[in-house]
Amino acid sequence: MRLFKFVLIPVVLFSLPGIAQAIWITQYSGTTNNLWSVRFPVDTLTGYAVGEHGTILKTTDGGANWASQTWGRSYDLYSVYFSGDVMTGYVVGRMADTIFKTTDGGTDWVSQPSGTTNYLWSIQFPIDALTGYAVGEHGTILKTTNGGAGWKSQTSGTTNDLWSVQFPQNTLTGYAVGEHGTILKTTNGGAGWASQTSGTPYELYSVCFPVDTLTGYAVGERGTILKTTNGGAVWVSQTSRTPYELYSVCFPVDTLTGYAVGEYSHILVTWNGGANWWWNYYGGYFYFLSSVHFPSDAKIGYAVGEYGTIMKENGLQPGVEEEKIKDGMQRAEVGLTARPNPFSGQTHIRYQLSAPGPVRLIVYDIAGHRVKALVEKSRAEARSYEAVWDGRNGTGQDVGYGVYFVRLDAGNISETEKVVVIR
């Protein structure tokens, strides 16, 4: 028996004519080693990815080509960070008393003594390449103020592993998250770290404060997503709709649009500050995605993970983008809407044709695959129509929850409407 429920959610999702929908495309990395971290320092062209067995990859053309950097070490690398330019960067990982730094874009990597035998999981330089922080095993927190020439240990007050660190605006106020729901905050550059109540016993793997020190997100074990709007005084759990691990979170430009990645190649997206999270991509594979980064806006981003996986969201949805009108052809006008949206049971799709001609109304998934044909006619008169989609594919099976696209082809033009299925 199929159950229907209708939920009112304060967000309107729509597509505008002339704007293409997004898709994640797999890029060739040239390695089968797991990749743990990705970073594009200043734009969407030049970026770095690091991983197991000393893997360091670099691209200068937006991932069309990834080149392996030879540096003669085989340490597992868990975090890479370049601050402010594409030349000066740092990597940390499964290596005792060592942090590596490059000042020439990765041609050479120079060892720096970290002063700890504990492994380091995350590194960040908030505003320049001089002052930075690294966190790791057993509550380890390190700080440098001279570009890594010297690293000093700070008192974290915990022995739990710390998986991620971020200082959103400056070198004074920062957050670290880790084992057993650990969240730490400093407001004085790490001279003191205070524990915050996360409300969860689960691992927290990644933290992101997009624009200030007040509103932030943390993700982790069993689909955990937490949000704060008051600097961590209160953390509120959000519904991720997944029971699987989430390893990385990124809000590129504001506190509304964000991405989270994790097990089974899940990529989740929110457009309303986490009030709702939807599947932005689900490959159906058993590999994980460990890191996600959008360099400059919410349109072009990268995710890396298991078996050398690199994925890019390039802002183009094949099979769903608006067709260009041939020269000399008169443009007819169409209108396309879907309500309710998001929906659980069914959505009513209304469209208006201003001229007679052939018409097709097709549902596509986020990868551009055809899900179901709602209308296919060789000729339709100029008037209003309505079709109903019940959330099933062409064989009558329920589709998974997430983002889909309804495309209307009428004569020489096309229009798409983004719809969201919830269960």
Protein backbone atom coordinates (compact mmCIF):
# COMPACT_ATOMS: atom_id res chain seq x y z
CA MET A 1 0.00 0.00 0.00
CA ARG A 2 1.35 3.38 -0.96
CA LEU A 3 1.10 6.15 1.63
CA PHE A 4 0.62 9.76 0.67
CA LYS A 5 1.50 12.78 2.74
CA PHE A 6 1.57 16.45 1.92
CA VAL A 7 4.00 18.78 3.61
CA LEU A 8 4.05 22.56 3.36
CA ILE A 9 7.62 23.80 3.21
CA PRO A 10 8.48 27.51 3.05
CA VAL A 11 10.61 27.36 -0.06
CA VAL A 12 9.76 27.73 -3.74
CA LEU A 13 11.94 25.86 -6.21
CA PHE A 14 11.82 26.86 -9.84
CA SER A 15 13.91 27.12 -12.98
CA LEU A 16 14.20 30.23 -15.05
CA PRO A 17 14.21 30.13 -18.86
CA GLY A 18 17.77 30.32 -20.15
CA ILE A 19 19.38 28.95 -16.97
CA ALA A 20 20.82 25.43 -17.28
CA GLN A 21 20.51 22.91 -14.46
CA ALA A 22 23.53 21.45 -12.64
CA ILE A 23 25.09 18.02 -12.92
CA TRP A 24 28.02 16.25 -11.31
CA ILE A 25 30.50 14.81 -13.80
CA THR A 26 33.25 12.33 -12.97
CA GLN A 27 36.74 13.46 -13.90
CA TYR A 28 39.77 11.28 -14.64
CA SER A 29 42.22 11.48 -11.74
CA GLY A 30 44.80 8.97 -12.95
CA THR A 31 44.88 7.18 -9.59
CA THR A 32 42.94 4.54 -7.69
CA ASN A 33 44.21 5.77 -4.32
CA ASN A 34 41.63 7.21 -1.95
CA LEU A 35 41.49 11.01 -2.00
CA TRP A 36 40.75 12.77 1.29
CA SER A 37 40.84 16.50 0.60
CA VAL A 38 40.36 18.98 -2.26
CA ARG A 39 41.06 22.70 -2.41
CA PHE A 40 40.81 25.38 -5.13
CA PRO A 41 42.44 28.45 -3.55
CA VAL A 42 41.39 31.39 -5.74
CA ASP A 43 39.26 30.24 -8.69
CA THR A 44 37.70 27.21 -10.36
CA LEU A 45 40.73 26.43 -12.52
CA THR A 46 43.71 25.70 -10.28
CA GLY A 47 43.22 23.17 -7.53
CA TYR A 48 44.81 20.40 -5.50
CA ALA A 49 43.67 17.03 -4.18
CA VAL A 50 45.53 14.79 -1.73
CA GLY A 51 45.12 11.25 -0.49
CA GLU A 52 46.64 7.95 0.53
CA HIS A 53 50.17 6.76 -0.28
CA GLY A 54 51.43 10.31 -0.74
CA THR A 55 49.05 11.19 -3.57
CA ILE A 56 49.10 14.86 -4.54
CA LEU A 57 47.22 15.91 -7.68
CA LYS A 58 47.07 19.33 -9.33
CA THR A 59 44.94 20.81 -12.09
CA THR A 60 45.23 24.17 -13.82
CA ASP A 61 42.30 23.73 -16.21
CA GLY A 62 39.34 23.07 -13.94
CA GLY A 63 39.97 19.35 -13.70
CA ALA A 64 40.09 18.56 -17.41
CA ASN A 65 43.55 17.25 -16.59
CA TRP A 66 44.91 16.21 -13.21
CA ALA A 67 48.69 15.78 -12.90
CA SER A 68 50.37 13.77 -10.15
CA GLN A 69 53.09 15.63 -8.28
CA THR A 70 56.21 13.62 -7.51
CA TRP A 71 57.59 14.41 -4.10
CA GLY A 72 59.15 11.11 -2.97
CA ARG A 73 56.96 10.32 0.07
CA SER A 74 54.22 7.77 0.66
CA TYR A 75 52.45 9.21 3.71
CA ASP A 76 48.67 9.20 3.76
CA LEU A 77 47.62 12.84 3.36
CA TYR A 78 44.30 13.95 4.87
CA SER A 79 44.12 17.70 4.36
CA VAL A 80 45.44 20.30 1.92
CA TYR A 81 45.12 24.05 2.27
CA PHE A 82 46.29 26.96 0.11
CA SER A 83 45.50 30.40 1.48
CA GLY A 84 45.19 33.36 -0.85
CA ASP A 85 47.21 32.10 -3.82
CA VAL A 86 47.96 28.94 -5.78
CA MET A 87 51.63 28.81 -4.85
CA THR A 88 51.85 28.53 -1.05
CA GLY A 89 50.15 25.58 0.56
CA TYR A 90 50.33 22.96 3.29
CA VAL A 91 49.47 19.25 3.69
CA VAL A 92 49.05 17.15 6.83
CA GLY A 93 48.33 13.50 7.43
CA ARG A 94 49.53 10.22 8.83
CA MET A 95 53.09 11.33 9.58
CA ALA A 96 54.78 11.98 12.91
CA ASP A 97 56.32 15.38 13.70
CA THR A 98 55.88 16.57 10.12
CA ILE A 99 53.91 19.13 8.13
CA PHE A 100 54.80 19.76 4.50
CA LYS A 101 54.76 23.15 2.79
CA THR A 102 55.17 24.32 -0.80
CA THR A 103 55.87 27.83 -2.03
CA ASP A 104 56.06 27.00 -5.73
CA GLY A 105 52.70 25.44 -6.48
CA GLY A 106 53.70 21.95 -5.46
CA THR A 107 56.87 21.53 -7.47
CA ASP A 108 58.71 21.08 -4.17
CA TRP A 109 57.32 20.15 -0.76
CA VAL A 110 59.49 21.01 2.26
CA SER A 111 59.21 19.29 5.63
CA GLN A 112 58.40 21.33 8.73
CA PRO A 113 58.66 19.90 12.27
CA SER A 114 55.22 19.90 13.88
CA GLY A 115 56.40 19.15 17.40
CA THR A 116 53.92 16.29 17.84
CA THR A 117 53.99 12.58 17.09
CA ASN A 118 50.20 12.56 16.73
CA TYR A 119 48.72 12.37 13.25
CA LEU A 120 47.01 15.50 11.94
CA TRP A 121 43.64 15.38 10.15
CA SER A 122 42.90 18.99 9.17
CA ILE A 123 44.74 22.25 8.51
CA GLN A 124 43.60 25.81 7.78
CA PHE A 125 45.17 29.23 7.25
CA PRO A 126 42.32 31.76 7.71
CA ILE A 127 43.58 34.95 6.08
CA ASP A 128 47.14 34.45 4.82
CA ALA A 129 49.93 31.89 4.62
CA LEU A 130 51.46 32.93 7.96
CA THR A 131 48.94 32.15 10.72
CA GLY A 132 47.42 28.71 10.62
CA TYR A 133 45.96 25.90 12.70
CA ALA A 134 46.11 22.12 12.50
CA VAL A 135 44.12 19.54 14.49
CA GLY A 136 44.43 15.80 14.89
CA GLU A 137 44.72 12.78 17.12
CA HIS A 138 43.98 12.84 20.85
CA GLY A 139 42.80 16.46 20.91
CA THR A 140 45.90 17.85 19.24
CA ILE A 141 45.72 21.51 18.19
CA LEU A 142 48.74 23.29 16.70
CA LYS A 143 49.24 26.92 15.71
CA THR A 144 51.83 28.77 13.67
CA THR A 145 52.24 32.53 13.21
CA ASN A 146 55.28 32.41 10.94
CA GLY A 147 54.25 30.26 8.01
CA GLY A 148 55.09 27.01 9.70
CA ALA A 149 58.67 27.81 10.69
CA GLY A 150 57.46 27.00 14.20
CA TRP A 151 54.34 25.16 15.38
CA LYS A 152 53.15 25.45 18.98
CA SER A 153 50.79 23.09 20.77
CA GLN A 154 47.59 24.45 22.30
CA THR A 155 45.51 23.04 25.14
CA SER A 156 42.27 21.67 23.70
CA GLY A 157 40.86 20.23 26.91
CA THR A 158 39.96 16.94 25.20
CA THR A 159 41.64 13.68 24.25
CA ASN A 160 39.12 12.99 21.49
CA ASP A 161 40.38 13.05 17.93
CA LEU A 162 39.62 16.33 16.16
CA TRP A 163 38.70 15.89 12.50
CA SER A 164 38.16 19.44 11.24
CA VAL A 165 39.08 23.03 12.07
CA GLN A 166 37.86 26.36 10.71
CA PHE A 167 38.45 30.02 11.51
CA PRO A 168 35.76 31.82 9.46
CA GLN A 169 36.84 35.47 9.41
CA ASN A 170 40.08 36.00 11.25
CA THR A 171 42.75 34.26 13.30
CA LEU A 172 40.95 34.74 16.62
CA THR A 173 37.56 32.98 16.51
CA GLY A 174 37.53 29.39 15.35
CA TYR A 175 35.89 25.99 15.75
CA ALA A 176 37.07 22.39 15.83
CA VAL A 177 34.93 19.25 15.70
CA GLY A 178 35.69 15.60 16.31
CA GLU A 179 34.96 12.33 18.06
CA HIS A 180 31.83 11.69 20.14
CA GLY A 181 30.16 14.95 19.10
CA THR A 182 33.05 17.13 20.24
CA ILE A 183 32.78 20.81 19.33
CA LEU A 184 35.38 23.31 20.55
CA LYS A 185 35.47 27.09 20.14
CA THR A 186 38.10 29.75 20.71
CA THR A 187 37.73 33.52 20.61
CA ASN A 188 41.34 34.39 21.42
CA GLY A 189 43.38 32.64 18.77
CA GLY A 190 43.52 29.35 20.62
CA ALA A 191 44.86 30.64 23.93
CA GLY A 192 41.74 28.99 25.34
CA TRP A 193 39.37 26.44 23.81
CA ALA A 194 35.89 25.95 25.28
CA SER A 195 33.75 22.86 24.80
CA GLN A 196 30.25 23.31 23.35
CA THR A 197 27.23 21.05 23.68
CA SER A 198 26.54 19.39 20.34
CA GLY A 199 23.66 17.22 21.51
CA THR A 200 25.00 14.20 19.62
CA PRO A 201 27.27 11.28 20.62
CA TYR A 202 28.27 10.72 16.99
CA GLU A 203 31.49 11.62 15.20
CA LEU A 204 31.58 15.08 13.63
CA TYR A 205 33.87 15.09 10.61
CA SER A 206 33.54 18.59 9.14
CA VAL A 207 32.63 22.12 10.20
CA CYS A 208 31.77 25.17 8.07
CA PHE A 209 30.94 28.76 9.02
CA PRO A 210 30.28 30.43 5.64
CA VAL A 211 30.23 34.18 6.26
CA ASP A 212 30.70 34.95 9.95
CA THR A 213 31.35 33.39 13.36
CA LEU A 214 27.66 33.02 14.23
CA THR A 215 26.00 30.74 11.67
CA GLY A 216 27.66 27.42 11.02
CA TYR A 217 27.15 23.76 10.19
CA ALA A 218 28.74 20.47 11.22
CA VAL A 219 28.23 17.03 9.66
CA GLY A 220 29.17 13.54 10.68
CA GLU A 221 28.26 10.00 11.54
CA ARG A 222 24.84 8.47 10.67
CA GLY A 223 23.74 11.41 8.56
CA THR A 224 24.22 13.93 11.37
CA ILE A 225 23.84 17.58 10.39
CA LEU A 226 23.96 20.31 13.03
CA LYS A 227 23.39 24.05 12.69
CA THR A 228 23.99 27.02 14.95
CA THR A 229 22.97 30.64 14.47
CA ASN A 230 24.47 32.00 17.68
CA GLY A 231 28.11 31.05 17.56
CA GLY A 232 27.60 27.57 18.93
CA ALA A 233 25.72 28.48 22.10
CA VAL A 234 23.01 26.17 20.71
CA TRP A 235 23.42 23.51 18.03
CA VAL A 236 20.21 22.22 16.41
CA SER A 237 19.94 18.89 14.60
CA GLN A 238 18.69 18.95 11.01
CA THR A 239 17.07 16.16 8.98
CA SER A 240 19.49 14.86 6.37
CA ARG A 241 17.27 12.05 5.03
CA THR A 242 20.23 9.69 5.02
CA PRO A 243 21.49 7.19 7.64
CA TYR A 244 24.98 7.17 6.18
CA GLU A 245 28.18 8.99 7.14
CA LEU A 246 28.64 12.58 5.97
CA TYR A 247 32.31 13.52 5.76
CA SER A 248 32.39 17.08 4.46
CA VAL A 249 30.19 20.18 4.31
CA CYS A 250 30.58 23.39 2.29
CA PHE A 251 28.45 26.54 2.08
CA PRO A 252 30.17 28.50 -0.72
CA VAL A 253 28.89 32.08 -0.42
CA ASP A 254 26.10 32.36 2.15
CA THR A 255 24.27 30.50 4.90
CA LEU A 256 21.48 29.27 2.62
CA THR A 257 23.02 27.14 -0.15
CA GLY A 258 25.24 24.29 0.97
CA TYR A 259 26.48 20.82 0.08
CA ALA A 260 27.38 17.75 2.12
CA VAL A 261 29.06 14.57 0.84
CA GLY A 262 29.60 11.12 2.31
CA GLU A 263 29.12 7.40 1.97
CA TYR A 264 27.70 5.69 -1.13
CA SER A 265 28.60 8.70 -3.28
CA HIS A 266 25.88 10.77 -1.63
CA ILE A 267 25.83 14.50 -2.36
CA LEU A 268 23.20 16.44 -0.45
CA VAL A 269 22.15 20.03 -1.14
CA THR A 270 20.11 22.66 0.68
CA TRP A 271 18.85 25.95 -0.67
CA ASN A 272 17.18 27.15 2.51
CA GLY A 273 19.80 27.00 5.22
CA GLY A 274 19.26 23.34 5.99
CA ALA A 275 15.53 23.47 6.64
CA ASN A 276 15.46 20.84 3.90
CA TRP A 277 18.25 18.70 2.50
CA TRP A 278 17.82 16.89 -0.82
CA TRP A 279 19.91 14.49 -2.84
CA ASN A 280 21.85 16.53 -5.36
CA TYR A 281 23.55 13.38 -6.64
CA TYR A 282 23.40 9.70 -5.86
CA GLY A 283 25.52 7.45 -8.05
CA GLY A 284 24.38 4.20 -6.46
CA TYR A 285 28.00 3.20 -5.93
CA PHE A 286 29.57 1.79 -2.80
CA TYR A 287 32.43 4.28 -2.69
CA PHE A 288 32.50 7.30 -0.42
CA LEU A 289 33.08 10.99 -1.07
CA SER A 290 35.32 12.54 1.57
CA SER A 291 35.65 16.22 0.70
CA VAL A 292 33.67 18.90 -1.16
CA HIS A 293 34.73 22.42 -2.10
CA PHE A 294 33.11 25.24 -4.10
CA PRO A 295 35.81 27.86 -4.76
CA SER A 296 33.89 31.02 -5.57
CA ASP A 297 30.15 30.45 -5.92
CA ALA A 298 27.47 27.77 -5.65
CA LYS A 299 27.65 26.81 -9.33
CA ILE A 300 31.03 25.12 -9.85
CA GLY A 301 32.38 22.76 -7.22
CA TYR A 302 34.48 19.65 -6.71
CA ALA A 303 34.20 16.50 -4.61
CA VAL A 304 36.81 13.77 -4.09
CA GLY A 305 36.78 10.35 -2.51
CA GLU A 306 37.42 6.65 -2.68
CA TYR A 307 39.37 4.98 -5.54
CA GLY A 308 40.64 8.29 -6.86
CA THR A 309 37.15 9.66 -7.46
CA ILE A 310 36.97 13.31 -8.54
CA MET A 311 33.61 14.86 -9.42
CA LYS A 312 32.80 18.33 -10.68
CA GLU A 313 29.54 20.23 -10.72
CA ASN A 314 29.81 22.30 -13.87
CA GLY A 315 26.45 24.02 -14.00
CA LEU A 316 25.21 22.13 -17.07
CA GLN A 317 22.50 19.49 -17.08
CA PRO A 318 22.68 17.43 -20.30
CA GLY A 319 19.31 16.61 -21.76
CA VAL A 320 17.63 19.27 -19.63
CA GLU A 321 19.21 22.57 -20.67
CA GLU A 322 17.17 24.99 -22.72
CA GLU A 323 17.58 24.53 -26.46
CA LYS A 324 18.85 27.37 -28.57
CA ILE A 325 16.39 28.70 -31.13
CA LYS A 326 17.42 28.35 -34.73
CA ASP A 327 17.97 31.55 -36.67
CA GLY A 328 14.89 32.68 -38.57
CA MET A 329 12.42 30.60 -36.55
CA GLN A 330 9.65 32.41 -34.78
CA ARG A 331 9.61 31.79 -31.03
CA ALA A 332 6.37 30.52 -29.59
CA GLU A 333 5.66 31.14 -25.92
CA VAL A 334 5.11 28.47 -23.27
CA GLY A 335 4.52 28.45 -19.55
CA LEU A 336 5.42 25.61 -17.19
CA THR A 337 4.68 25.19 -13.46
CA ALA A 338 4.52 22.30 -10.99
CA ARG A 339 2.49 22.38 -7.76
CA PRO A 340 2.88 21.29 -5.04
CA ASN A 341 6.65 21.46 -5.05
CA PRO A 342 8.28 19.77 -3.13
CA PHE A 343 5.77 16.87 -3.20
CA SER A 344 5.30 13.41 -1.77
CA GLY A 345 2.23 11.95 -3.48
CA GLN A 346 1.81 13.70 -6.81
CA THR A 347 2.45 17.04 -8.43
CA HIS A 348 0.27 18.80 -11.01
CA ILE A 349 2.24 20.11 -13.97
CA ARG A 350 0.54 22.86 -15.90
CA TYR A 351 1.75 24.20 -19.23
CA GLN A 352 0.50 26.74 -21.72
CA LEU A 353 1.08 26.58 -25.50
CA SER A 354 0.65 29.75 -27.55
CA ALA A 355 0.94 27.95 -30.90
CA PRO A 356 -0.07 24.49 -32.14
CA GLY A 357 2.61 21.88 -32.75
CA PRO A 358 4.38 18.81 -31.34
CA VAL A 359 4.84 18.62 -27.57
CA ARG A 360 6.76 16.42 -25.18
CA LEU A 361 6.78 16.54 -21.37
CA ILE A 362 9.56 14.37 -19.92
CA VAL A 363 10.87 13.83 -16.38
CA TYR A 364 14.66 13.51 -15.97
CA ASP A 365 16.77 12.68 -12.92
CA ILE A 366 19.70 14.72 -11.64
CA ALA A 367 22.12 12.85 -13.94
CA GLY A 368 20.08 13.67 -17.04
CA HIS A 369 18.58 10.18 -17.42
CA ARG A 370 15.02 9.90 -18.70
CA VAL A 371 12.68 8.82 -15.88
CA LYS A 372 9.22 8.99 -17.41
CA ALA A 373 7.38 10.47 -20.39
CA LEU A 374 4.26 12.30 -19.24
CA VAL A 375 3.22 13.61 -22.66
CA GLU A 376 4.37 12.77 -26.19
CA LYS A 377 2.15 14.12 -28.97
CA SER A 378 2.84 14.87 -32.61
CA ARG A 379 0.43 17.81 -32.41
CA ALA A 380 -1.25 19.76 -29.63
CA GLU A 381 -3.51 22.80 -29.95
CA ALA A 382 -2.67 26.20 -28.49
CA ARG A 383 -4.23 26.18 -25.03
CA SER A 384 -3.60 25.25 -21.38
CA TYR A 385 -2.88 21.66 -20.33
CA GLU A 386 -2.28 19.78 -17.11
CA ALA A 387 -0.36 16.55 -16.48
CA VAL A 388 0.11 14.69 -13.21
CA TRP A 389 3.31 12.97 -12.08
CA ASP A 390 2.89 10.49 -9.23
CA GLY A 391 6.59 10.10 -8.43
CA ARG A 392 6.95 6.84 -10.37
CA ASN A 393 9.21 5.95 -13.27
CA GLY A 394 8.19 4.48 -16.60
CA THR A 395 7.88 0.97 -15.14
CA GLY A 396 5.65 2.07 -12.27
CA GLN A 397 8.29 1.99 -9.55
CA ASP A 398 8.60 4.75 -6.95
CA VAL A 399 11.59 6.98 -7.62
CA GLY A 400 13.97 7.94 -4.81
CA TYR A 401 13.59 11.25 -3.06
CA GLY A 402 15.60 14.13 -4.41
CA VAL A 403 15.75 16.60 -7.30
CA TYR A 404 14.20 15.90 -10.71
CA PHE A 405 13.59 18.02 -13.80
CA VAL A 406 10.43 18.23 -15.87
CA ARG A 407 11.25 19.34 -19.39
CA LEU A 408 8.68 20.72 -21.83
CA ASP A 409 9.58 20.62 -25.54
CA ALA A 410 7.11 22.58 -27.66
CA GLY A 411 8.06 23.16 -31.25
CA ASN A 412 11.38 24.92 -31.35
CA ILE A 413 11.68 25.83 -27.66
CA SER A 414 12.17 24.09 -24.33
CA GLU A 415 11.53 24.99 -20.73
CA THR A 416 12.36 23.09 -17.53
CA GLU A 417 10.94 23.04 -14.02
CA LYS A 418 12.88 21.70 -11.06
CA VAL A 419 10.78 19.49 -8.77
CA VAL A 420 11.68 17.80 -5.49
CA VAL A 421 10.32 14.42 -4.35
CA ILE A 422 10.07 13.86 -0.61
CA ARG A 423 9.01 10.68 1.14
